């Protein structure tokens, strides 16, 4: 049942301003019909500094994080009040004993879902100039996937991988929180856990970390199924799952031929090569998966089509030089994937989930199912204009075409 928005935000304010019981808060999204908030996402927690306890606010724009610390008292209250005035569509507020999910409705009222913790937790007040860790560095999962040594210390050569894991977990946590707040994901139970499929899983190091985070930190029952064409991957991943005591199964097979019953609720495609990402997205659409996260790897298919097709005027400079053509092909491929997912009824964000200095494979497509397929309108017109202008046929469009109504028209050559 909805409540007046001001009443709910006032209640959340009291939680955030209580340093003794407050653990963490995240604000994200936009209220329907309102201006875009100043920040894409904001995280709040208390830290103990030499000058005393401060409320730390980490605000994210489209490119970077901005951290500010506010002394407990008037400074912290002013900072919180300023953020509550922003038109965020979702608030996630955690205390030592409860977790509160707040979603702002189209009528600018609030839907609140509150869960009690089985056991009270203690807030981490340590000052971390980077970011608070979602998984401790000495968590057993990092030793099992080869990022830490036998003593549980992160290997210096694997620091970049660890940062990639942390950033992926943040994106996953945000996406699942948003999907739950919008009623797209049910509350999992021990008898019917959250079903996650990792298609083209490889060594599945991100998925192992995700399952560990969701089960140990978020206290959600989770079952993972990983699919890969290599028997070696199945054997390796099954051994890691047994070592960690995880509810996970790994099978040998192609992405296109993957048959899972019941269908997964979260589909991951993490660094699947070239059109394997398209196959994973097509399977997710066929399953009507509520949440899809894809981190594409190489993008050869569209690049090859651009080399063969004449470049439309006035864009010759984009494809004249090989390095620019390859980079443009990367961008064009993921833009078309996002557009096709929107046509299938998904709300899609394309974000950078880790800095390019750590890995060039740093683009993430986050998709949450919001309705049925779009049969026409602006999204369809934009897609048709783009493929017709460049004379290309995305692999994902070919994979979706038999099940899409109306059929996707082939581009004009």
Protein backbone atom coordinates (compact mmCIF):
# COMPACT_ATOMS: atom_id res chain seq x y z
CA UNK A 1 0.00 0.00 0.00
CA UNK A 2 1.36 3.43 -0.92
CA UNK A 3 2.09 6.15 1.64
CA UNK A 4 2.58 9.90 1.32
CA UNK A 5 6.08 10.45 -0.10
CA UNK A 6 7.04 13.17 2.39
CA UNK A 7 6.14 10.94 5.35
CA UNK A 8 8.28 8.08 4.03
CA UNK A 9 11.26 10.30 3.21
CA UNK A 10 11.06 11.81 6.68
CA UNK A 11 11.18 8.32 8.14
CA UNK A 12 14.19 7.41 5.97
CA UNK A 13 15.84 10.67 7.02
CA UNK A 14 15.63 9.67 10.66
CA UNK A 15 17.32 6.35 9.87
CA UNK A 16 20.15 7.98 7.91
CA UNK A 17 20.81 10.59 10.60
CA UNK A 18 21.20 8.00 13.36
CA UNK A 19 24.93 7.09 13.40
CA UNK A 20 24.36 4.30 15.92
CA UNK A 21 22.02 2.19 13.76
CA UNK A 22 22.50 3.40 10.17
CA UNK A 23 24.54 1.11 7.90
CA UNK A 24 24.18 2.27 4.29
CA UNK A 25 21.82 4.00 1.86
CA UNK A 26 21.64 4.18 -1.93
CA UNK A 27 19.56 6.61 -3.98
CA UNK A 28 19.09 6.07 -7.72
CA UNK A 29 16.67 6.42 -10.62
CA UNK A 30 14.29 9.27 -11.42
CA UNK A 31 10.76 10.05 -10.36
CA UNK A 32 8.25 9.81 -13.19
CA UNK A 33 7.64 13.18 -14.84
CA UNK A 34 10.25 14.97 -12.71
CA UNK A 35 13.59 16.52 -13.60
CA UNK A 36 16.65 14.29 -13.75
CA UNK A 37 18.48 14.24 -10.39
CA UNK A 38 21.84 15.96 -10.25
CA UNK A 39 23.51 12.60 -9.64
CA UNK A 40 22.97 9.24 -11.33
CA UNK A 41 23.45 7.43 -8.00
CA UNK A 42 24.39 8.37 -4.43
CA UNK A 43 25.76 6.17 -1.62
CA UNK A 44 25.78 7.19 2.05
CA UNK A 45 27.48 5.70 5.11
CA UNK A 46 29.28 6.88 8.25
CA UNK A 47 33.07 6.84 8.53
CA UNK A 48 35.33 7.46 11.52
CA UNK A 49 37.88 10.17 10.70
CA UNK A 50 40.52 11.78 12.90
CA UNK A 51 38.16 14.74 13.25
CA UNK A 52 35.38 12.44 14.45
CA UNK A 53 32.47 10.59 12.80
CA UNK A 54 31.35 11.96 9.45
CA UNK A 55 28.61 11.07 6.99
CA UNK A 56 30.34 10.07 3.76
CA UNK A 57 28.46 10.79 0.52
CA UNK A 58 29.71 9.23 -2.71
CA UNK A 59 27.85 10.76 -5.67
CA UNK A 60 28.22 9.37 -9.18
CA UNK A 61 27.74 11.26 -12.40
CA UNK A 62 28.13 9.65 -15.84
CA UNK A 63 31.93 9.47 -15.66
CA UNK A 64 33.23 9.46 -12.09
CA UNK A 65 32.56 9.37 -8.35
CA UNK A 66 32.62 12.47 -6.11
CA UNK A 67 33.22 11.87 -2.40
CA UNK A 68 32.41 14.34 0.38
CA UNK A 69 32.44 13.95 4.18
CA UNK A 70 30.03 15.84 6.47
CA UNK A 71 30.44 16.17 10.23
CA UNK A 72 27.68 14.62 12.33
CA UNK A 73 25.19 17.36 13.21
CA UNK A 74 24.13 20.31 11.07
CA UNK A 75 26.51 19.46 8.22
CA UNK A 76 25.19 15.92 7.85
CA UNK A 77 21.56 17.06 8.17
CA UNK A 78 22.02 19.67 5.44
CA UNK A 79 23.63 17.12 3.14
CA UNK A 80 20.83 14.58 3.69
CA UNK A 81 18.10 17.17 3.23
CA UNK A 82 19.67 18.27 -0.04
CA UNK A 83 19.67 14.71 -1.34
CA UNK A 84 16.10 14.05 -0.21
CA UNK A 85 15.04 17.09 -2.23
CA UNK A 86 16.45 15.49 -5.38
CA UNK A 87 13.82 13.61 -7.48
CA UNK A 88 15.32 10.14 -6.97
CA UNK A 89 12.94 7.34 -7.87
CA UNK A 90 14.39 4.73 -5.51
CA UNK A 91 15.92 4.67 -2.02
CA UNK A 92 17.51 1.64 -0.38
CA UNK A 93 18.21 2.24 3.32
CA UNK A 94 19.86 -0.32 5.58
CA UNK A 95 20.07 -0.22 9.36
CA UNK A 96 21.62 -2.69 11.77
CA UNK A 97 18.28 -4.50 12.10
CA UNK A 98 16.24 -3.69 8.96
CA UNK A 99 16.38 -3.10 5.23
CA UNK A 100 13.99 -0.60 3.58
CA UNK A 101 13.20 -0.47 -0.15
CA UNK A 102 11.41 2.72 -1.24
CA UNK A 103 9.99 3.25 -4.73
CA UNK A 104 8.31 6.47 -5.81
CA UNK A 105 5.16 5.84 -7.87
CA UNK A 106 3.83 7.78 -10.87
CA UNK A 107 1.47 9.58 -8.48
CA UNK A 108 4.50 10.69 -6.42
CA UNK A 109 3.57 8.45 -3.54
CA UNK A 110 5.88 5.88 -1.93
CA UNK A 111 5.78 2.10 -1.86
CA UNK A 112 7.88 0.74 1.01
CA UNK A 113 9.08 -2.81 1.53
CA UNK A 114 10.75 -3.42 4.90
CA UNK A 115 12.50 -6.64 5.91
CA UNK A 116 13.98 -7.48 9.29
CA UNK A 117 17.44 -9.03 9.54
CA UNK A 118 17.71 -12.45 11.10
CA UNK A 119 20.62 -11.10 13.14
CA UNK A 120 21.70 -7.53 13.79
CA UNK A 121 24.77 -6.40 11.83
CA UNK A 122 27.44 -3.90 12.71
CA UNK A 123 28.09 -0.94 10.45
CA UNK A 124 31.53 -0.71 8.87
CA UNK A 125 32.83 2.71 9.92
CA UNK A 126 36.31 2.34 8.50
CA UNK A 127 37.49 5.17 6.28
CA UNK A 128 38.20 3.81 2.82
CA UNK A 129 39.32 6.50 0.40
CA UNK A 130 38.51 4.28 -2.56
CA UNK A 131 35.07 2.76 -1.91
CA UNK A 132 33.55 0.57 0.78
CA UNK A 133 34.14 -3.05 -0.23
CA UNK A 134 31.15 -5.20 -1.02
CA UNK A 135 33.19 -8.36 -0.46
CA UNK A 136 36.10 -8.39 1.98
CA UNK A 137 39.51 -8.94 0.42
CA UNK A 138 39.99 -12.07 2.54
CA UNK A 139 36.67 -13.64 1.48
CA UNK A 140 37.21 -17.33 0.57
CA UNK A 141 35.83 -16.77 -2.92
CA UNK A 142 38.92 -14.79 -3.95
CA UNK A 143 41.24 -17.64 -3.00
CA UNK A 144 39.01 -20.12 -4.82
CA UNK A 145 39.00 -18.11 -8.07
CA UNK A 146 42.72 -17.38 -7.92
CA UNK A 147 42.75 -13.69 -6.94
CA UNK A 148 44.18 -14.34 -3.46
CA UNK A 149 46.96 -16.59 -2.12
CA UNK A 150 46.57 -19.45 0.37
CA UNK A 151 46.72 -16.96 3.25
CA UNK A 152 43.78 -15.02 1.81
CA UNK A 153 45.89 -12.04 0.66
CA UNK A 154 45.10 -10.50 -2.71
CA UNK A 155 47.83 -11.13 -5.25
CA UNK A 156 49.40 -7.85 -6.47
CA UNK A 157 49.04 -9.02 -10.06
CA UNK A 158 45.28 -9.55 -9.59
CA UNK A 159 44.34 -6.15 -8.17
CA UNK A 160 42.76 -5.05 -11.46
CA UNK A 161 40.57 -8.17 -11.49
CA UNK A 162 39.52 -7.47 -7.90
CA UNK A 163 38.45 -3.92 -8.83
CA UNK A 164 36.52 -5.35 -11.76
CA UNK A 165 34.72 -7.77 -9.43
CA UNK A 166 33.82 -4.98 -6.99
CA UNK A 167 32.44 -2.70 -9.70
CA UNK A 168 30.44 -5.53 -11.25
CA UNK A 169 28.91 -6.34 -7.86
CA UNK A 170 27.87 -2.70 -7.45
CA UNK A 171 26.17 -2.71 -10.82
CA UNK A 172 24.47 -6.03 -10.10
CA UNK A 173 23.32 -4.86 -6.67
CA UNK A 174 21.89 -1.64 -8.12
CA UNK A 175 20.10 -3.46 -10.92
CA UNK A 176 18.53 -6.10 -8.68
CA UNK A 177 17.50 -3.45 -6.17
CA UNK A 178 15.84 -1.45 -8.95
CA UNK A 179 14.10 -4.54 -10.37
CA UNK A 180 12.76 -5.53 -6.95
CA UNK A 181 11.56 -2.00 -6.24
CA UNK A 182 9.64 -1.99 -9.52
CA UNK A 183 8.09 -5.38 -8.80
CA UNK A 184 10.00 -7.14 -11.60
CA UNK A 185 11.69 -9.64 -9.29
CA UNK A 186 9.97 -11.73 -6.64
CA UNK A 187 11.39 -12.32 -3.18
CA UNK A 188 13.39 -15.57 -3.38
CA UNK A 189 13.01 -18.30 -0.77
CA UNK A 190 15.09 -21.28 0.30
CA UNK A 191 12.62 -23.54 -1.53
CA UNK A 192 12.61 -21.35 -4.66
CA UNK A 193 15.89 -19.39 -4.82
CA UNK A 194 16.78 -16.60 -7.23
CA UNK A 195 17.64 -18.29 -10.52
CA UNK A 196 20.75 -16.94 -12.27
CA UNK A 197 22.11 -18.23 -15.59
CA UNK A 198 25.65 -17.43 -16.76
CA UNK A 199 25.80 -18.05 -20.51
CA UNK A 200 29.27 -18.57 -21.95
CA UNK A 201 30.52 -18.65 -18.37
CA UNK A 202 34.19 -19.50 -18.96
CA UNK A 203 35.86 -19.61 -15.54
CA UNK A 204 32.86 -17.73 -14.07
CA UNK A 205 34.91 -15.67 -11.62
CA UNK A 206 32.47 -12.75 -11.68
CA UNK A 207 29.52 -15.10 -11.20
CA UNK A 208 31.14 -16.87 -8.25
CA UNK A 209 31.73 -13.48 -6.63
CA UNK A 210 28.13 -12.46 -7.39
CA UNK A 211 26.68 -15.58 -5.80
CA UNK A 212 28.91 -15.16 -2.75
CA UNK A 213 27.87 -11.51 -2.37
CA UNK A 214 24.15 -12.18 -2.80
CA UNK A 215 24.08 -15.13 -0.40
CA UNK A 216 26.54 -13.97 2.28
CA UNK A 217 26.04 -10.18 2.24
CA UNK A 218 22.50 -9.71 0.92
CA UNK A 219 21.27 -12.96 2.53
CA UNK A 220 19.41 -14.09 -0.61
CA UNK A 221 19.08 -17.74 -1.57
CA UNK A 222 20.58 -18.10 -5.06
CA UNK A 223 21.00 -20.93 -7.55
CA UNK A 224 23.39 -20.54 -10.49
CA UNK A 225 23.52 -22.50 -13.73
CA UNK A 226 26.56 -21.93 -15.94
CA UNK A 227 26.72 -22.92 -19.61
CA UNK A 228 29.91 -23.18 -21.65
CA UNK A 229 31.07 -25.21 -24.64
CA UNK A 230 34.24 -26.39 -22.87
CA UNK A 231 34.31 -29.47 -20.67
CA UNK A 232 37.34 -27.97 -18.93
CA UNK A 233 35.19 -25.03 -17.76
CA UNK A 234 32.54 -27.37 -16.39
CA UNK A 235 35.09 -29.41 -14.43
CA UNK A 236 36.92 -26.38 -13.07
CA UNK A 237 33.78 -24.46 -12.09
CA UNK A 238 32.12 -27.49 -10.52
CA UNK A 239 35.19 -28.00 -8.33
CA UNK A 240 35.16 -24.33 -7.24
CA UNK A 241 31.43 -24.53 -6.43
CA UNK A 242 31.99 -27.63 -4.30
CA UNK A 243 34.88 -25.95 -2.47
CA UNK A 244 32.73 -22.92 -1.63
CA UNK A 245 29.58 -24.95 -0.89
CA UNK A 246 27.56 -23.05 -3.49
CA UNK A 247 24.25 -24.07 -5.04
CA UNK A 248 25.57 -24.07 -8.61
CA UNK A 249 25.53 -26.37 -11.61
CA UNK A 250 27.73 -26.13 -14.70
CA UNK A 251 26.90 -27.84 -17.97
CA UNK A 252 28.54 -28.24 -21.36
CA UNK A 253 26.57 -26.82 -24.25
CA UNK A 254 26.08 -23.93 -26.63
CA UNK A 255 24.42 -20.68 -25.65
CA UNK A 256 21.93 -20.91 -28.51
CA UNK A 257 20.94 -24.41 -27.45
CA UNK A 258 20.64 -23.72 -23.73
CA UNK A 259 17.33 -25.04 -22.35
CA UNK A 260 16.63 -24.21 -18.69
CA UNK A 261 13.43 -25.14 -16.87
CA UNK A 262 12.35 -23.19 -14.94
CA UNK A 263 13.66 -20.20 -16.87
CA UNK A 264 16.28 -18.01 -15.18
CA UNK A 265 15.31 -14.67 -13.67
CA UNK A 266 18.75 -13.11 -14.09
CA UNK A 267 20.82 -13.77 -17.21
CA UNK A 268 24.53 -12.92 -17.28
CA UNK A 269 26.74 -12.81 -20.38
CA UNK A 270 30.16 -11.70 -19.19
CA UNK A 271 32.84 -11.29 -21.84
CA UNK A 272 31.24 -13.74 -24.25
CA UNK A 273 33.11 -13.33 -27.54
CA UNK A 274 31.57 -11.45 -30.49
CA UNK A 275 28.13 -12.79 -31.47
CA UNK A 276 28.02 -15.12 -28.45
CA UNK A 277 26.81 -12.04 -26.57
CA UNK A 278 23.98 -11.72 -29.09
CA UNK A 279 23.06 -15.38 -28.60
CA UNK A 280 22.92 -14.84 -24.83
CA UNK A 281 20.73 -11.75 -25.20
CA UNK A 282 18.40 -13.64 -27.54
CA UNK A 283 18.05 -16.49 -25.03
CA UNK A 284 17.31 -13.97 -22.27
CA UNK A 285 14.57 -12.38 -24.38
CA UNK A 286 13.08 -15.79 -25.19
CA UNK A 287 12.96 -16.60 -21.47
CA UNK A 288 11.53 -13.11 -20.74
CA UNK A 289 14.21 -12.81 -18.07
CA UNK A 290 13.43 -9.85 -15.78
CA UNK A 291 17.12 -8.85 -15.49
CA UNK A 292 19.94 -9.10 -18.02
CA UNK A 293 23.57 -8.00 -17.53
CA UNK A 294 25.97 -8.30 -20.47
CA UNK A 295 29.60 -7.23 -20.64
CA UNK A 296 30.51 -7.70 -24.32
CA UNK A 297 33.98 -8.78 -25.41
CA UNK A 298 35.11 -8.36 -29.03
CA UNK A 299 32.84 -6.95 -31.76
CA UNK A 300 33.93 -8.53 -35.05
CA UNK A 301 30.57 -8.99 -36.78
CA UNK A 302 29.54 -5.36 -37.33
CA UNK A 303 33.18 -4.38 -37.97
CA UNK A 304 33.31 -6.89 -40.83
CA UNK A 305 30.05 -5.54 -42.27
CA UNK A 306 31.38 -1.98 -42.13
CA UNK A 307 34.47 -3.01 -44.10
CA UNK A 308 32.28 -4.42 -46.89
CA UNK A 309 29.48 -1.83 -47.07
CA UNK A 310 29.97 1.68 -48.51
CA UNK A 311 30.15 4.33 -45.80
CA UNK A 312 27.19 6.74 -45.96
CA UNK A 313 27.95 10.42 -46.40
CA UNK A 314 29.16 12.36 -44.49
CA UNK A 315 30.69 9.70 -42.20
CA UNK A 316 33.70 8.57 -44.25
CA UNK A 317 36.17 9.70 -41.58
CA UNK A 318 34.63 7.28 -39.10
CA UNK A 319 35.64 4.24 -41.15
CA UNK A 320 38.64 5.44 -43.18
CA UNK A 321 41.17 4.51 -40.51
CA UNK A 322 41.16 0.97 -39.18
CA UNK A 323 41.44 1.84 -35.48
CA UNK A 324 38.59 4.35 -35.69
CA UNK A 325 36.44 1.89 -37.65
CA UNK A 326 36.97 -0.79 -35.01
CA UNK A 327 36.10 1.57 -32.16
CA UNK A 328 33.06 2.85 -34.01
CA UNK A 329 31.97 -0.74 -34.65
CA UNK A 330 32.16 -1.44 -30.91
CA UNK A 331 29.95 1.55 -30.13
CA UNK A 332 27.51 0.84 -32.95
CA UNK A 333 27.17 -2.83 -31.98
CA UNK A 334 26.28 -2.09 -28.37
CA UNK A 335 23.96 0.78 -29.36
CA UNK A 336 22.04 -1.59 -31.64
CA UNK A 337 21.90 -4.26 -28.93
CA UNK A 338 20.46 -1.72 -26.49
CA UNK A 339 17.91 -0.58 -29.08
CA UNK A 340 16.81 -4.14 -29.86
CA UNK A 341 16.38 -4.91 -26.15
CA UNK A 342 14.22 -1.79 -25.79
CA UNK A 343 12.10 -3.05 -28.66
CA UNK A 344 11.62 -6.25 -26.66
CA UNK A 345 10.27 -4.35 -23.65
CA UNK A 346 13.43 -3.74 -21.62
CA UNK A 347 14.67 -0.56 -19.99
CA UNK A 348 18.38 -0.47 -20.86
CA UNK A 349 21.40 1.42 -19.55
CA UNK A 350 24.84 1.20 -21.17
CA UNK A 351 27.50 2.05 -18.60
CA UNK A 352 31.23 1.79 -17.93
CA UNK A 353 31.53 -0.65 -15.05
CA UNK A 354 35.29 -0.40 -14.52
CA UNK A 355 37.92 2.12 -15.61
CA UNK A 356 39.50 1.43 -19.01
CA UNK A 357 42.97 1.45 -17.43
CA UNK A 358 42.08 -1.89 -15.78
CA UNK A 359 40.50 -3.58 -18.80
CA UNK A 360 39.34 -2.46 -22.28
CA UNK A 361 36.30 -4.75 -21.88
CA UNK A 362 34.54 -2.33 -19.59
CA UNK A 363 31.10 -1.73 -21.13
CA UNK A 364 28.07 -3.17 -19.38
CA UNK A 365 24.52 -3.41 -20.72
CA UNK A 366 22.01 -3.42 -17.84
CA UNK A 367 18.48 -4.36 -18.85
CA UNK A 368 15.35 -4.67 -16.70
CA UNK A 369 12.16 -5.96 -18.32
CA UNK A 370 9.44 -3.34 -18.07
CA UNK A 371 6.73 -4.64 -20.41
CA UNK A 372 5.95 -6.37 -23.68
CA UNK A 373 7.58 -5.83 -27.09
CA UNK A 374 7.34 -2.39 -28.68
CA UNK A 375 5.57 -2.66 -32.04
CA UNK A 376 6.29 0.81 -33.36
CA UNK A 377 7.05 4.38 -32.43
CA UNK A 378 10.24 6.31 -31.87
CA UNK A 379 12.39 3.44 -30.68
CA UNK A 380 11.57 1.37 -33.75
CA UNK A 381 12.02 4.33 -36.10
CA UNK A 382 15.47 5.09 -34.64
CA UNK A 383 16.55 1.47 -35.03
CA UNK A 384 15.32 1.20 -38.62
CA UNK A 385 16.98 4.48 -39.59
CA UNK A 386 20.32 3.43 -38.10
CA UNK A 387 20.59 0.00 -39.76
CA UNK A 388 19.30 1.33 -43.08
CA UNK A 389 21.76 4.22 -43.07
CA UNK A 390 24.75 1.96 -42.51
CA UNK A 391 23.50 -1.03 -44.50
CA UNK A 392 24.10 -3.53 -41.68
CA UNK A 393 22.23 -6.47 -40.14
CA UNK A 394 22.93 -6.99 -36.42
CA UNK A 395 23.27 -10.61 -35.39
CA UNK A 396 20.85 -10.05 -32.52
CA UNK A 397 18.19 -8.87 -34.98
CA UNK A 398 18.60 -12.11 -36.97
CA UNK A 399 18.26 -14.18 -33.81
CA UNK A 400 15.16 -12.30 -32.63
CA UNK A 401 13.41 -11.98 -35.99
CA UNK A 402 11.46 -15.29 -35.98
CA UNK A 403 9.79 -14.48 -32.67
CA UNK A 404 9.26 -10.75 -33.09
CA UNK A 405 6.00 -9.21 -34.28
CA UNK A 406 6.07 -7.31 -36.52
CA UNK A 407 9.18 -8.90 -38.11
CA UNK A 408 12.35 -6.88 -38.13
CA UNK A 409 12.80 -5.59 -41.65
CA UNK A 410 16.18 -6.27 -43.30
CA UNK A 411 18.18 -3.12 -43.96
CA UNK A 412 18.21 -1.56 -47.41
CA UNK A 413 21.50 -2.12 -49.20
